[in-house]
Amino acid sequence: MEPGRSITVRTGSGGDVVICPQIGVVDSSCLFAAESDAKSARAVVLYDPTGLRHKSRQHLDWLCRHQDRSRLAAGDGTVGQPAMKTVFLSASIPDPKRDPRFFKTADVVAIAEAVHALCTVVLPEDRLVFGGHPAITPIVQRIAVLLDRQRSVAIFQSAFFVGEFPEEAKKFPNIVVTERGRDRGDSLRIMREAMLKARPFAGVFVGGMEGVIDEWRLLQELHSGTPAWPIPTTGAAARILFDSREFDRDRRFDETLRTDPVYARLFRRLLAP
């Protein structure tokens, strides 16, 4: 591959990727030129970071985190990896033996459909982060395998629950087991703080019980201003959040969130750049 000569690669998802090799220090003008040449295709600027000054490498890392359609990739894989968006999923299926306010409104079929649709929308291009609830993990794992995107999922589990991890959770290459706390609640807090340490592009909240509400509040606390949507048609905690004053809704999506049963279409609208 020669600098200045682009090649077009057909990806498994059907779209084209235009790879644009560069030499020297890469900046935003390289991204602009690559995206212009690529037109409607996805553009990736490939560069060799060898010999770059520390400040230049820091700048490229920052640029990778803040750009979207155009991508940077370091030739040695050390810096400037493709800047995928990270979507945080908080979801569970309420237990009928626990708080009835969650179970009585829960739509189990809708919860499963929403998680399935979110995976199909996010995983072909971006990353999904979630805290492997036993009822949700098999759905995510099944879609990730079908799309061959297991590495685009980060699943968090607490050491407090060792021995109870879903079998499907162990199949993810990116599984993070956080330390055990003083008790169940403290262990979950440690896991959730680790899971949300980095700011996600957006958060999606589906069904659920107390944990979904706790994760909603933690996201607001750690990353105020991050787009976050409870999906009320799935019922349970998501509906409670949607109807509460805690949800500072974007009125553009209010009616869509309330009524649209086609979750793939809904998530494409919500997560559009």
C-alpha atoms as a PDB file:
ATOM      1  CA  MET A   1       0.000   0.000   0.000  1.00  0.00           C
ATOM      2  CA  GLU A   2       1.468   3.348  -1.035  1.00  0.00           C
ATOM      3  CA  PRO A   3       0.891   6.786   0.550  1.00  0.00           C
ATOM      4  CA  GLY A   4      -1.506   8.834  -1.505  1.00  0.00           C
ATOM      5  CA  ARG A   5      -3.093   5.783  -3.171  1.00  0.00           C
ATOM      6  CA  SER A   6      -6.402   4.703  -1.639  1.00  0.00           C
ATOM      7  CA  ILE A   7      -7.904   1.244  -1.785  1.00  0.00           C
ATOM      8  CA  THR A   8     -11.529   0.262  -1.362  1.00  0.00           C
ATOM      9  CA  VAL A   9     -12.412  -2.740   0.791  1.00  0.00           C
ATOM     10  CA  ARG A  10     -15.813  -4.436   0.876  1.00  0.00           C
ATOM     11  CA  THR A  11     -16.804  -5.257   4.481  1.00  0.00           C
ATOM     12  CA  GLY A  12     -18.916  -8.149   5.700  1.00  0.00           C
ATOM     13  CA  SER A  13     -21.804  -5.797   6.462  1.00  0.00           C
ATOM     14  CA  GLY A  14     -22.032  -4.788   2.807  1.00  0.00           C
ATOM     15  CA  GLY A  15     -20.601  -1.271   2.982  1.00  0.00           C
ATOM     16  CA  ASP A  16     -17.353  -0.050   1.444  1.00  0.00           C
ATOM     17  CA  VAL A  17     -14.360   1.144   3.442  1.00  0.00           C
ATOM     18  CA  VAL A  18     -11.850   3.422   1.727  1.00  0.00           C
ATOM     19  CA  ILE A  19      -8.359   3.107   3.277  1.00  0.00           C
ATOM     20  CA  CYS A  20      -6.157   6.162   2.776  1.00  0.00           C
ATOM     21  CA  PRO A  21      -2.456   5.696   3.693  1.00  0.00           C
ATOM     22  CA  GLN A  22      -0.596   8.770   4.962  1.00  0.00           C
ATOM     23  CA  ILE A  23       2.973   9.583   5.926  1.00  0.00           C
ATOM     24  CA  GLY A  24       4.145  12.171   8.425  1.00  0.00           C
ATOM     25  CA  VAL A  25       1.949  13.842  11.013  1.00  0.00           C
ATOM     26  CA  VAL A  26      -1.749  13.226  10.466  1.00  0.00           C
ATOM     27  CA  ASP A  27      -4.189  16.028  11.275  1.00  0.00           C
ATOM     28  CA  SER A  28      -7.822  16.882  10.679  1.00  0.00           C
ATOM     29  CA  SER A  29      -7.135  18.030   7.114  1.00  0.00           C
ATOM     30  CA  CYS A  30      -6.140  14.425   6.269  1.00  0.00           C
ATOM     31  CA  LEU A  31      -9.479  13.253   7.638  1.00  0.00           C
ATOM     32  CA  PHE A  32     -11.317  15.897   5.623  1.00  0.00           C
ATOM     33  CA  ALA A  33      -9.557  14.888   2.415  1.00  0.00           C
ATOM     34  CA  ALA A  34     -10.152  11.176   3.048  1.00  0.00           C
ATOM     35  CA  GLU A  35     -13.833  11.681   3.732  1.00  0.00           C
ATOM     36  CA  SER A  36     -14.196  13.854   0.628  1.00  0.00           C
ATOM     37  CA  ASP A  37     -12.526  11.205  -1.541  1.00  0.00           C
ATOM     38  CA  ALA A  38     -14.585   8.422   0.010  1.00  0.00           C
ATOM     39  CA  LYS A  39     -17.872  10.222  -0.671  1.00  0.00           C
ATOM     40  CA  SER A  40     -20.585   8.013   0.857  1.00  0.00           C
ATOM     41  CA  ALA A  41     -18.218   5.220   1.897  1.00  0.00           C
ATOM     42  CA  ARG A  42     -16.497   4.901   5.252  1.00  0.00           C
ATOM     43  CA  ALA A  43     -13.022   6.473   5.320  1.00  0.00           C
ATOM     44  CA  VAL A  44     -10.043   5.204   7.318  1.00  0.00           C
ATOM     45  CA  VAL A  45      -6.743   7.067   7.430  1.00  0.00           C
ATOM     46  CA  LEU A  46      -3.879   4.617   7.985  1.00  0.00           C
ATOM     47  CA  TYR A  47      -0.641   6.056   9.334  1.00  0.00           C
ATOM     48  CA  ASP A  48       2.664   4.956  10.851  1.00  0.00           C
ATOM     49  CA  PRO A  49       3.144   6.423  14.350  1.00  0.00           C
ATOM     50  CA  THR A  50       6.848   5.511  14.484  1.00  0.00           C
ATOM     51  CA  GLY A  51       8.923   8.561  15.356  1.00  0.00           C
ATOM     52  CA  LEU A  52       6.012  10.838  16.145  1.00  0.00           C
ATOM     53  CA  ARG A  53       6.603  13.160  19.068  1.00  0.00           C
ATOM     54  CA  HIS A  54       4.705  12.452  22.276  1.00  0.00           C
ATOM     55  CA  LYS A  55       2.487  15.513  21.824  1.00  0.00           C
ATOM     56  CA  SER A  56       1.621  14.481  18.289  1.00  0.00           C
ATOM     57  CA  ARG A  57       0.605  11.021  19.461  1.00  0.00           C
ATOM     58  CA  GLN A  58      -1.494  12.553  22.239  1.00  0.00           C
ATOM     59  CA  HIS A  59      -3.198  14.801  19.682  1.00  0.00           C
ATOM     60  CA  LEU A  60      -3.988  11.816  17.450  1.00  0.00           C
ATOM     61  CA  ASP A  61      -5.463   9.919  20.385  1.00  0.00           C
ATOM     62  CA  TRP A  62      -7.697  12.910  21.144  1.00  0.00           C
ATOM     63  CA  LEU A  63      -8.691  13.263  17.494  1.00  0.00           C
ATOM     64  CA  CYS A  64      -9.625   9.570  17.303  1.00  0.00           C
ATOM     65  CA  ARG A  65     -11.919   9.920  20.278  1.00  0.00           C
ATOM     66  CA  HIS A  66     -13.704  12.972  18.901  1.00  0.00           C
ATOM     67  CA  GLN A  67     -14.212  12.203  15.242  1.00  0.00           C
ATOM     68  CA  ASP A  68     -16.944   9.960  13.866  1.00  0.00           C
ATOM     69  CA  ARG A  69     -17.362   9.059  10.185  1.00  0.00           C
ATOM     70  CA  SER A  70     -13.691   9.270   9.233  1.00  0.00           C
ATOM     71  CA  ARG A  71     -11.359   6.925  11.072  1.00  0.00           C
ATOM     72  CA  LEU A  72      -7.679   6.755  12.000  1.00  0.00           C
ATOM     73  CA  ALA A  73      -5.692   3.558  12.355  1.00  0.00           C
ATOM     74  CA  ALA A  74      -2.106   3.290  13.571  1.00  0.00           C
ATOM     75  CA  GLY A  75       0.025   0.955  11.486  1.00  0.00           C
ATOM     76  CA  ASP A  76       1.449  -0.724  14.601  1.00  0.00           C
ATOM     77  CA  GLY A  77      -1.851  -0.833  16.502  1.00  0.00           C
ATOM     78  CA  THR A  78      -0.522   1.208  19.442  1.00  0.00           C
ATOM     79  CA  VAL A  79      -2.446   4.445  19.037  1.00  0.00           C
ATOM     80  CA  GLY A  80      -5.265   5.802  16.932  1.00  0.00           C
ATOM     81  CA  GLN A  81      -7.436   2.715  16.747  1.00  0.00           C
ATOM     82  CA  PRO A  82     -10.754   3.175  14.872  1.00  0.00           C
ATOM     83  CA  ALA A  83     -12.945   5.408  17.003  1.00  0.00           C
ATOM     84  CA  MET A  84     -16.073   3.333  17.460  1.00  0.00           C
ATOM     85  CA  LYS A  85     -18.951   4.778  19.426  1.00  0.00           C
ATOM     86  CA  THR A  86     -19.788   3.013  22.673  1.00  0.00           C
ATOM     87  CA  VAL A  87     -23.454   2.494  23.567  1.00  0.00           C
ATOM     88  CA  PHE A  88     -24.299   1.533  27.126  1.00  0.00           C
ATOM     89  CA  LEU A  89     -27.167  -0.924  27.616  1.00  0.00           C
ATOM     90  CA  SER A  90     -28.943  -1.263  30.960  1.00  0.00           C
ATOM     91  CA  ALA A  91     -31.562  -3.997  30.850  1.00  0.00           C
ATOM     92  CA  SER A  92     -33.082  -6.881  32.756  1.00  0.00           C
ATOM     93  CA  ILE A  93     -36.263  -8.910  32.933  1.00  0.00           C
ATOM     94  CA  PRO A  94     -38.072  -8.291  36.238  1.00  0.00           C
ATOM     95  CA  ASP A  95     -38.354 -11.135  38.724  1.00  0.00           C
ATOM     96  CA  PRO A  96     -42.004 -11.785  39.707  1.00  0.00           C
ATOM     97  CA  LYS A  97     -40.813 -12.658  43.230  1.00  0.00           C
ATOM     98  CA  ARG A  98     -39.436  -9.186  43.791  1.00  0.00           C
ATOM     99  CA  ASP A  99     -40.905  -5.675  43.725  1.00  0.00           C
ATOM    100  CA  PRO A 100     -44.299  -5.974  41.916  1.00  0.00           C
ATOM    101  CA  ARG A 101     -44.141  -2.412  40.582  1.00  0.00           C
ATOM    102  CA  PHE A 102     -41.567  -3.598  38.038  1.00  0.00           C
ATOM    103  CA  PHE A 103     -43.082  -6.941  37.093  1.00  0.00           C
ATOM    104  CA  LYS A 104     -46.673  -5.757  36.697  1.00  0.00           C
ATOM    105  CA  THR A 105     -45.845  -3.457  33.762  1.00  0.00           C
ATOM    106  CA  ALA A 106     -42.991  -5.464  32.252  1.00  0.00           C
ATOM    107  CA  ASP A 107     -43.425  -6.696  28.676  1.00  0.00           C
ATOM    108  CA  VAL A 108     -40.988  -9.607  28.503  1.00  0.00           C
ATOM    109  CA  VAL A 109     -41.362 -10.028  24.738  1.00  0.00           C
ATOM    110  CA  ALA A 110     -40.760  -6.317  24.160  1.00  0.00           C
ATOM    111  CA  ILE A 111     -37.667  -6.372  26.398  1.00  0.00           C
ATOM    112  CA  ALA A 112     -36.171  -9.239  24.405  1.00  0.00           C
ATOM    113  CA  GLU A 113     -37.064  -7.590  21.087  1.00  0.00           C
ATOM    114  CA  ALA A 114     -35.577  -4.266  22.150  1.00  0.00           C
ATOM    115  CA  VAL A 115     -32.275  -5.827  23.237  1.00  0.00           C
ATOM    116  CA  HIS A 116     -32.141  -7.871  20.022  1.00  0.00           C
ATOM    117  CA  ALA A 117     -32.790  -4.771  17.898  1.00  0.00           C
ATOM    118  CA  LEU A 118     -30.222  -2.652  19.744  1.00  0.00           C
ATOM    119  CA  CYS A 119     -27.550  -5.281  19.131  1.00  0.00           C
ATOM    120  CA  THR A 120     -28.359  -5.464  15.417  1.00  0.00           C
ATOM    121  CA  VAL A 121     -28.159  -1.674  15.112  1.00  0.00           C
ATOM    122  CA  VAL A 122     -25.042  -1.079  17.222  1.00  0.00           C
ATOM    123  CA  LEU A 123     -22.729  -4.053  16.729  1.00  0.00           C
ATOM    124  CA  PRO A 124     -22.074  -3.918  12.966  1.00  0.00           C
ATOM    125  CA  GLU A 125     -20.161  -0.641  13.424  1.00  0.00           C
ATOM    126  CA  ASP A 126     -19.803   0.204  17.104  1.00  0.00           C
ATOM    127  CA  ARG A 127     -19.396  -1.188  20.630  1.00  0.00           C
ATOM    128  CA  LEU A 128     -21.921  -2.289  23.238  1.00  0.00           C
ATOM    129  CA  VAL A 129     -21.197  -2.223  26.979  1.00  0.00           C
ATOM    130  CA  PHE A 130     -23.475  -3.871  29.527  1.00  0.00           C
ATOM    131  CA  GLY A 131     -23.484  -5.595  32.890  1.00  0.00           C
ATOM    132  CA  GLY A 132     -24.368  -9.173  31.946  1.00  0.00           C
ATOM    133  CA  HIS A 133     -27.798  -9.791  33.441  1.00  0.00           C
ATOM    134  CA  PRO A 134     -28.529 -13.547  33.152  1.00  0.00           C
ATOM    135  CA  ALA A 135     -31.680 -13.005  31.074  1.00  0.00           C
ATOM    136  CA  ILE A 136     -30.069 -10.446  28.736  1.00  0.00           C
ATOM    137  CA  THR A 137     -26.639 -11.962  28.150  1.00  0.00           C
ATOM    138  CA  PRO A 138     -27.860 -14.879  25.954  1.00  0.00           C
ATOM    139  CA  ILE A 139     -29.641 -12.446  23.623  1.00  0.00           C
ATOM    140  CA  VAL A 140     -26.567 -10.235  23.227  1.00  0.00           C
ATOM    141  CA  GLN A 141     -24.269 -13.226  22.789  1.00  0.00           C
ATOM    142  CA  ARG A 142     -26.471 -14.797  20.117  1.00  0.00           C
ATOM    143  CA  ILE A 143     -26.559 -11.633  17.981  1.00  0.00           C
ATOM    144  CA  ALA A 144     -22.851 -10.934  18.492  1.00  0.00           C
ATOM    145  CA  VAL A 145     -22.044 -14.440  17.215  1.00  0.00           C
ATOM    146  CA  LEU A 146     -24.366 -14.095  14.218  1.00  0.00           C
ATOM    147  CA  LEU A 147     -22.697 -10.806  13.288  1.00  0.00           C
ATOM    148  CA  ASP A 148     -19.214 -12.082  14.184  1.00  0.00           C
ATOM    149  CA  ARG A 149     -18.823  -9.082  16.485  1.00  0.00           C
ATOM    150  CA  GLN A 150     -18.110 -10.716  19.851  1.00  0.00           C
ATOM    151  CA  ARG A 151     -15.104  -8.443  20.329  1.00  0.00           C
ATOM    152  CA  SER A 152     -17.352  -5.392  20.005  1.00  0.00           C
ATOM    153  CA  VAL A 153     -19.119  -6.291  23.253  1.00  0.00           C
ATOM    154  CA  ALA A 154     -17.736  -5.477  26.699  1.00  0.00           C
ATOM    155  CA  ILE A 155     -19.518  -7.369  29.450  1.00  0.00           C
ATOM    156  CA  PHE A 156     -19.018  -6.528  33.118  1.00  0.00           C
ATOM    157  CA  GLN A 157     -19.535  -8.952  36.002  1.00  0.00           C
ATOM    158  CA  SER A 158     -18.798  -8.670  39.710  1.00  0.00           C
ATOM    159  CA  ALA A 159     -16.632 -11.191  41.537  1.00  0.00           C
ATOM    160  CA  PHE A 160     -19.424 -11.239  44.136  1.00  0.00           C
ATOM    161  CA  PHE A 161     -21.395 -13.430  41.710  1.00  0.00           C
ATOM    162  CA  VAL A 162     -18.625 -15.854  40.769  1.00  0.00           C
ATOM    163  CA  GLY A 163     -20.270 -19.212  40.220  1.00  0.00           C
ATOM    164  CA  GLU A 164     -23.454 -17.547  38.959  1.00  0.00           C
ATOM    165  CA  PHE A 165     -22.174 -16.028  35.717  1.00  0.00           C
ATOM    166  CA  PRO A 166     -24.305 -16.997  32.699  1.00  0.00           C
ATOM    167  CA  GLU A 167     -22.492 -19.535  30.525  1.00  0.00           C
ATOM    168  CA  GLU A 168     -22.844 -17.162  27.579  1.00  0.00           C
ATOM    169  CA  ALA A 169     -20.919 -14.462  29.478  1.00  0.00           C
ATOM    170  CA  LYS A 170     -17.816 -16.644  29.548  1.00  0.00           C
ATOM    171  CA  LYS A 171     -17.815 -16.779  25.742  1.00  0.00           C
ATOM    172  CA  PHE A 172     -17.165 -13.058  25.328  1.00  0.00           C
ATOM    173  CA  PRO A 173     -13.466 -12.231  24.833  1.00  0.00           C
ATOM    174  CA  ASN A 174     -13.962  -8.848  26.546  1.00  0.00           C
ATOM    175  CA  ILE A 175     -15.346  -9.820  29.933  1.00  0.00           C
ATOM    176  CA  VAL A 176     -14.362  -7.638  32.876  1.00  0.00           C
ATOM    177  CA  VAL A 177     -14.726  -9.080  36.368  1.00  0.00           C
ATOM    178  CA  THR A 178     -14.633  -6.342  39.000  1.00  0.00           C
ATOM    179  CA  GLU A 179     -13.567  -6.832  42.608  1.00  0.00           C
ATOM    180  CA  ARG A 180     -15.880  -8.064  45.314  1.00  0.00           C
ATOM    181  CA  GLY A 181     -17.181  -5.396  47.678  1.00  0.00           C
ATOM    182  CA  ARG A 182     -18.340  -5.530  51.270  1.00  0.00           C
ATOM    183  CA  ASP A 183     -21.716  -6.908  50.242  1.00  0.00           C
ATOM    184  CA  ARG A 184     -23.969  -7.320  47.193  1.00  0.00           C
ATOM    185  CA  GLY A 185     -24.850  -3.645  46.932  1.00  0.00           C
ATOM    186  CA  ASP A 186     -21.251  -2.472  47.298  1.00  0.00           C
ATOM    187  CA  SER A 187     -20.087  -5.045  44.756  1.00  0.00           C
ATOM    188  CA  LEU A 188     -22.652  -3.834  42.219  1.00  0.00           C
ATOM    189  CA  ARG A 189     -21.625  -0.226  42.840  1.00  0.00           C
ATOM    190  CA  ILE A 190     -17.974  -1.065  42.109  1.00  0.00           C
ATOM    191  CA  MET A 191     -18.945  -2.879  38.916  1.00  0.00           C
ATOM    192  CA  ARG A 192     -21.203  -0.090  37.676  1.00  0.00           C
ATOM    193  CA  GLU A 193     -18.640   2.620  38.325  1.00  0.00           C
ATOM    194  CA  ALA A 194     -16.049   0.625  36.388  1.00  0.00           C
ATOM    195  CA  MET A 195     -18.528   0.010  33.572  1.00  0.00           C
ATOM    196  CA  LEU A 196     -19.334   3.709  33.269  1.00  0.00           C
ATOM    197  CA  LYS A 197     -15.838   5.048  33.914  1.00  0.00           C
ATOM    198  CA  ALA A 198     -15.505   6.062  30.266  1.00  0.00           C
ATOM    199  CA  ARG A 199     -18.248   8.287  28.851  1.00  0.00           C
ATOM    200  CA  PRO A 200     -20.467   6.334  26.444  1.00  0.00           C
ATOM    201  CA  PHE A 201     -21.907   7.885  23.290  1.00  0.00           C
ATOM    202  CA  ALA A 202     -25.412   7.138  24.625  1.00  0.00           C
ATOM    203  CA  GLY A 203     -27.303   4.997  27.113  1.00  0.00           C
ATOM    204  CA  VAL A 204     -30.365   2.837  26.429  1.00  0.00           C
ATOM    205  CA  PHE A 205     -32.539   1.552  29.299  1.00  0.00           C
ATOM    206  CA  VAL A 206     -34.821  -1.420  28.738  1.00  0.00           C
ATOM    207  CA  GLY A 207     -37.267  -3.043  31.169  1.00  0.00           C
ATOM    208  CA  GLY A 208     -35.463  -3.749  34.412  1.00  0.00           C
ATOM    209  CA  MET A 209     -35.746  -3.289  38.148  1.00  0.00           C
ATOM    210  CA  GLU A 210     -33.854  -1.282  40.771  1.00  0.00           C
ATOM    211  CA  GLY A 211     -30.546  -1.873  39.001  1.00  0.00           C
ATOM    212  CA  VAL A 212     -31.698  -0.111  35.845  1.00  0.00           C
ATOM    213  CA  ILE A 213     -32.755   2.928  37.882  1.00  0.00           C
ATOM    214  CA  ASP A 214     -29.434   2.868  39.760  1.00  0.00           C
ATOM    215  CA  GLU A 215     -27.507   2.753  36.482  1.00  0.00           C
ATOM    216  CA  TRP A 216     -29.594   5.590  35.055  1.00  0.00           C
ATOM    217  CA  ARG A 217     -28.749   7.771  38.046  1.00  0.00           C
ATOM    218  CA  LEU A 218     -25.085   6.837  37.961  1.00  0.00           C
ATOM    219  CA  LEU A 219     -24.852   7.751  34.275  1.00  0.00           C
ATOM    220  CA  GLN A 220     -26.395  11.153  35.029  1.00  0.00           C
ATOM    221  CA  GLU A 221     -23.996  11.627  37.940  1.00  0.00           C
ATOM    222  CA  LEU A 222     -20.818  10.641  36.102  1.00  0.00           C
ATOM    223  CA  HIS A 223     -21.618  11.887  32.605  1.00  0.00           C
ATOM    224  CA  SER A 224     -24.247  14.591  32.759  1.00  0.00           C
ATOM    225  CA  GLY A 225     -25.423  15.517  29.289  1.00  0.00           C
ATOM    226  CA  THR A 226     -24.863  12.087  27.723  1.00  0.00           C
ATOM    227  CA  PRO A 227     -27.946  11.165  25.658  1.00  0.00           C
ATOM    228  CA  ALA A 228     -29.935   8.546  27.548  1.00  0.00           C
ATOM    229  CA  TRP A 229     -33.282   7.021  26.687  1.00  0.00           C
ATOM    230  CA  PRO A 230     -35.564   4.766  28.730  1.00  0.00           C
ATOM    231  CA  ILE A 231     -37.744   2.690  26.394  1.00  0.00           C
ATOM    232  CA  PRO A 232     -41.211   2.917  27.993  1.00  0.00           C
ATOM    233  CA  THR A 233     -42.866   0.314  25.772  1.00  0.00           C
ATOM    234  CA  THR A 234     -40.742  -2.336  27.517  1.00  0.00           C
ATOM    235  CA  GLY A 235     -42.386  -1.413  30.825  1.00  0.00           C
ATOM    236  CA  ALA A 236     -40.896  -1.911  34.308  1.00  0.00           C
ATOM    237  CA  ALA A 237     -38.080   0.442  35.384  1.00  0.00           C
ATOM    238  CA  ALA A 238     -37.787   1.945  31.897  1.00  0.00           C
ATOM    239  CA  ARG A 239     -41.408   3.078  32.018  1.00  0.00           C
ATOM    240  CA  ILE A 240     -41.000   4.420  35.551  1.00  0.00           C
ATOM    241  CA  LEU A 241     -37.988   6.457  34.422  1.00  0.00           C
ATOM    242  CA  PHE A 242     -39.785   7.700  31.304  1.00  0.00           C
ATOM    243  CA  ASP A 243     -42.713   8.934  33.400  1.00  0.00           C
ATOM    244  CA  SER A 244     -40.539  10.474  36.112  1.00  0.00           C
ATOM    245  CA  ARG A 245     -39.124  13.952  36.429  1.00  0.00           C
ATOM    246  CA  GLU A 246     -35.655  12.430  36.221  1.00  0.00           C
ATOM    247  CA  PHE A 247     -36.053  12.016  32.465  1.00  0.00           C
ATOM    248  CA  ASP A 248     -35.282  15.371  30.887  1.00  0.00           C
ATOM    249  CA  ARG A 249     -36.770  14.316  27.588  1.00  0.00           C
ATOM    250  CA  ASP A 250     -35.876  15.484  24.131  1.00  0.00           C
ATOM    251  CA  ARG A 251     -39.325  16.374  22.834  1.00  0.00           C
ATOM    252  CA  ARG A 252     -38.322  15.417  19.286  1.00  0.00           C
ATOM    253  CA  PHE A 253     -38.425  11.762  20.312  1.00  0.00           C
ATOM    254  CA  ASP A 254     -41.135  11.861  22.971  1.00  0.00           C
ATOM    255  CA  GLU A 255     -43.969  10.406  20.919  1.00  0.00           C
ATOM    256  CA  THR A 256     -41.655   8.008  19.099  1.00  0.00           C
ATOM    257  CA  LEU A 257     -40.366   6.564  22.364  1.00  0.00           C
ATOM    258  CA  ARG A 258     -43.887   6.248  23.675  1.00  0.00           C
ATOM    259  CA  THR A 259     -45.431   4.519  20.679  1.00  0.00           C
ATOM    260  CA  ASP A 260     -42.942   3.099  18.147  1.00  0.00           C
ATOM    261  CA  PRO A 261     -42.889  -0.725  18.404  1.00  0.00           C
ATOM    262  CA  VAL A 262     -40.255  -1.114  15.651  1.00  0.00           C
ATOM    263  CA  TYR A 263     -37.188  -0.997  17.856  1.00  0.00           C
ATOM    264  CA  ALA A 264     -34.540  -1.188  15.121  1.00  0.00           C
ATOM    265  CA  ARG A 265     -36.027   1.901  13.461  1.00  0.00           C
ATOM    266  CA  LEU A 266     -36.289   3.652  16.828  1.00  0.00           C
ATOM    267  CA  PHE A 267     -32.646   2.999  17.746  1.00  0.00           C
ATOM    268  CA  ARG A 268     -31.391   4.131  14.349  1.00  0.00           C
ATOM    269  CA  ARG A 269     -33.128   7.447  14.921  1.00  0.00           C
ATOM    270  CA  LEU A 270     -31.939   7.844  18.480  1.00  0.00           C
ATOM    271  CA  LEU A 271     -28.320   6.895  17.812  1.00  0.00           C
ATOM    272  CA  ALA A 272     -27.833   8.755  14.550  1.00  0.00           C
ATOM    273  CA  PRO A 273     -24.708  10.992  14.708  1.00  0.00           C
END
